[in-house]
N, C-alpha and C. Protein backbone atom coordinates (compact mmCIF):
# COMPACT_ATOMS: atom_id res chain seq x y z
N MET A 1 0.86 -1.18 0.00
CA MET A 1 0.00 0.00 0.00
C MET A 1 0.90 1.23 0.00
N SER A 2 0.74 2.06 -0.98
CA SER A 2 1.55 3.28 -1.04
C SER A 2 0.81 4.43 -0.36
N CYS A 3 1.52 5.53 -0.14
CA CYS A 3 0.92 6.70 0.50
C CYS A 3 -0.21 7.27 -0.33
N THR A 4 -0.15 7.11 -1.64
CA THR A 4 -1.18 7.69 -2.48
C THR A 4 -2.48 6.90 -2.43
N SER A 5 -2.43 5.65 -2.02
CA SER A 5 -3.65 4.85 -1.98
C SER A 5 -4.27 4.81 -0.60
N MET A 6 -3.65 5.44 0.38
CA MET A 6 -4.22 5.47 1.72
C MET A 6 -5.40 6.42 1.76
N GLY A 7 -6.38 6.10 2.59
CA GLY A 7 -7.54 6.97 2.75
C GLY A 7 -7.19 8.21 3.55
N TRP A 8 -8.08 9.17 3.51
CA TRP A 8 -7.85 10.41 4.25
C TRP A 8 -8.19 10.19 5.71
N ALA A 9 -7.32 10.68 6.58
CA ALA A 9 -7.59 10.63 8.02
C ALA A 9 -8.46 11.82 8.39
N MET A 10 -9.03 11.79 9.57
CA MET A 10 -9.91 12.88 9.99
C MET A 10 -9.13 14.19 10.12
N LEU A 11 -7.85 14.15 10.50
CA LEU A 11 -7.06 15.38 10.58
C LEU A 11 -6.87 16.00 9.22
N ASP A 12 -6.71 15.18 8.21
CA ASP A 12 -6.56 15.69 6.84
C ASP A 12 -7.83 16.41 6.41
N VAL A 13 -8.96 15.80 6.68
CA VAL A 13 -10.24 16.40 6.32
C VAL A 13 -10.45 17.71 7.08
N MET A 14 -10.06 17.72 8.36
CA MET A 14 -10.24 18.92 9.17
C MET A 14 -9.40 20.08 8.66
N ILE A 15 -8.16 19.84 8.27
CA ILE A 15 -7.30 20.93 7.81
C ILE A 15 -7.82 21.48 6.49
N VAL A 16 -8.31 20.61 5.62
CA VAL A 16 -8.89 21.09 4.37
C VAL A 16 -10.14 21.91 4.65
N ALA A 17 -10.97 21.46 5.58
CA ALA A 17 -12.19 22.19 5.94
C ALA A 17 -11.84 23.55 6.54
N LEU A 18 -10.82 23.61 7.39
CA LEU A 18 -10.41 24.89 7.98
C LEU A 18 -9.92 25.86 6.91
N LEU A 19 -9.18 25.37 5.95
CA LEU A 19 -8.69 26.23 4.89
C LEU A 19 -9.83 26.73 4.01
N VAL A 20 -10.80 25.87 3.72
CA VAL A 20 -11.95 26.28 2.91
C VAL A 20 -12.77 27.33 3.65
N VAL A 21 -13.01 27.12 4.93
CA VAL A 21 -13.78 28.09 5.73
C VAL A 21 -13.04 29.42 5.79
N THR A 22 -11.74 29.38 5.95
CA THR A 22 -10.96 30.61 6.01
C THR A 22 -11.09 31.40 4.72
N VAL A 23 -11.03 30.73 3.60
CA VAL A 23 -11.14 31.40 2.30
C VAL A 23 -12.56 31.93 2.10
N LYS A 24 -13.56 31.13 2.41
CA LYS A 24 -14.96 31.53 2.19
C LYS A 24 -15.36 32.69 3.10
N LEU A 25 -14.92 32.68 4.35
CA LEU A 25 -15.30 33.74 5.29
C LEU A 25 -14.52 35.03 5.05
N GLY A 26 -13.47 34.95 4.25
CA GLY A 26 -12.69 36.15 3.95
C GLY A 26 -13.50 37.23 3.26
N ALA A 27 -14.52 36.84 2.50
CA ALA A 27 -15.36 37.80 1.80
C ALA A 27 -16.38 38.45 2.74
N ILE A 28 -16.73 37.78 3.82
CA ILE A 28 -17.75 38.26 4.75
C ILE A 28 -17.14 38.99 5.94
N ALA A 29 -16.09 38.44 6.48
CA ALA A 29 -15.51 38.96 7.72
C ALA A 29 -14.01 39.11 7.56
N SER A 30 -13.43 39.81 8.48
CA SER A 30 -11.97 39.95 8.51
C SER A 30 -11.37 38.77 9.27
N ILE A 31 -10.61 37.96 8.57
CA ILE A 31 -10.04 36.75 9.16
C ILE A 31 -8.53 36.88 9.18
N GLN A 32 -7.95 36.54 10.31
CA GLN A 32 -6.49 36.55 10.42
C GLN A 32 -6.03 35.12 10.74
N VAL A 33 -5.20 34.61 9.88
CA VAL A 33 -4.66 33.27 10.09
C VAL A 33 -3.36 33.43 10.86
N HIS A 34 -3.32 32.85 12.03
CA HIS A 34 -2.12 32.95 12.87
C HIS A 34 -1.27 31.69 12.72
N SER A 35 -0.17 31.67 13.37
CA SER A 35 0.80 30.59 13.22
C SER A 35 0.26 29.23 13.64
N GLY A 36 -0.74 29.20 14.50
CA GLY A 36 -1.29 27.91 14.95
C GLY A 36 -1.83 27.07 13.81
N LEU A 37 -2.47 27.72 12.84
CA LEU A 37 -3.01 26.97 11.70
C LEU A 37 -1.88 26.38 10.87
N TYR A 38 -0.82 27.14 10.69
CA TYR A 38 0.32 26.62 9.92
C TYR A 38 1.01 25.48 10.67
N ILE A 39 1.14 25.61 11.97
CA ILE A 39 1.76 24.54 12.77
C ILE A 39 0.89 23.28 12.72
N PHE A 40 -0.42 23.46 12.83
CA PHE A 40 -1.33 22.33 12.75
C PHE A 40 -1.24 21.65 11.39
N GLY A 41 -1.21 22.44 10.32
CA GLY A 41 -1.07 21.88 8.98
C GLY A 41 0.22 21.12 8.80
N PHE A 42 1.31 21.67 9.33
CA PHE A 42 2.60 20.98 9.27
C PHE A 42 2.53 19.66 10.04
N GLY A 43 1.86 19.67 11.19
CA GLY A 43 1.72 18.46 11.98
C GLY A 43 0.94 17.38 11.23
N VAL A 44 -0.10 17.80 10.52
CA VAL A 44 -0.89 16.84 9.73
C VAL A 44 -0.04 16.23 8.63
N ILE A 45 0.71 17.06 7.93
CA ILE A 45 1.57 16.55 6.85
C ILE A 45 2.65 15.63 7.41
N LEU A 46 3.23 16.01 8.54
CA LEU A 46 4.25 15.17 9.18
C LEU A 46 3.65 13.84 9.61
N LEU A 47 2.45 13.87 10.17
CA LEU A 47 1.79 12.64 10.60
C LEU A 47 1.50 11.73 9.42
N MET A 48 1.07 12.30 8.30
CA MET A 48 0.82 11.49 7.11
C MET A 48 2.10 10.84 6.60
N THR A 49 3.18 11.59 6.60
CA THR A 49 4.46 11.07 6.14
C THR A 49 4.96 9.94 7.03
N VAL A 50 4.93 10.16 8.33
CA VAL A 50 5.40 9.15 9.27
C VAL A 50 4.53 7.89 9.20
N THR A 51 3.23 8.07 9.11
CA THR A 51 2.32 6.92 9.02
C THR A 51 2.61 6.11 7.76
N GLY A 52 2.84 6.78 6.65
CA GLY A 52 3.16 6.07 5.41
C GLY A 52 4.45 5.29 5.50
N LYS A 53 5.48 5.89 6.11
CA LYS A 53 6.77 5.21 6.24
C LYS A 53 6.68 4.02 7.20
N VAL A 54 5.97 4.20 8.31
CA VAL A 54 5.82 3.10 9.27
C VAL A 54 5.02 1.97 8.64
N SER A 55 4.00 2.31 7.88
CA SER A 55 3.21 1.29 7.20
C SER A 55 4.06 0.49 6.23
N LYS A 56 4.93 1.17 5.49
CA LYS A 56 5.84 0.47 4.57
C LYS A 56 6.77 -0.46 5.33
N LEU A 57 7.33 0.02 6.45
CA LEU A 57 8.26 -0.80 7.23
C LEU A 57 7.56 -2.03 7.80
N VAL A 58 6.34 -1.88 8.25
CA VAL A 58 5.60 -3.02 8.80
C VAL A 58 5.32 -4.03 7.72
N GLN A 59 4.96 -3.56 6.53
CA GLN A 59 4.69 -4.51 5.43
C GLN A 59 5.95 -5.22 5.00
N GLN A 60 7.09 -4.52 5.00
CA GLN A 60 8.34 -5.15 4.58
C GLN A 60 8.79 -6.17 5.62
N SER A 61 8.58 -5.88 6.90
CA SER A 61 9.01 -6.82 7.93
C SER A 61 8.09 -8.04 8.02
N ALA A 62 6.87 -7.91 7.51
CA ALA A 62 5.93 -9.04 7.54
C ALA A 62 6.25 -10.06 6.46
N ARG A 63 7.03 -9.68 5.47
CA ARG A 63 7.35 -10.61 4.36
C ARG A 63 8.39 -11.58 4.72
């Protein structure tokens, strides 16, 4: 199973939803994106990367 075939985790869906809401509300209200959103996004990407690598290692060790 490669990283591209893995399903989306709930954190992935949440970060996409937060970004969509931020863009959509920009026309209605004044929105300021602070560093927390960027740190959270980085954490999600890091978690996806680590999960993919661990999954590969587990599959290789099972053979």
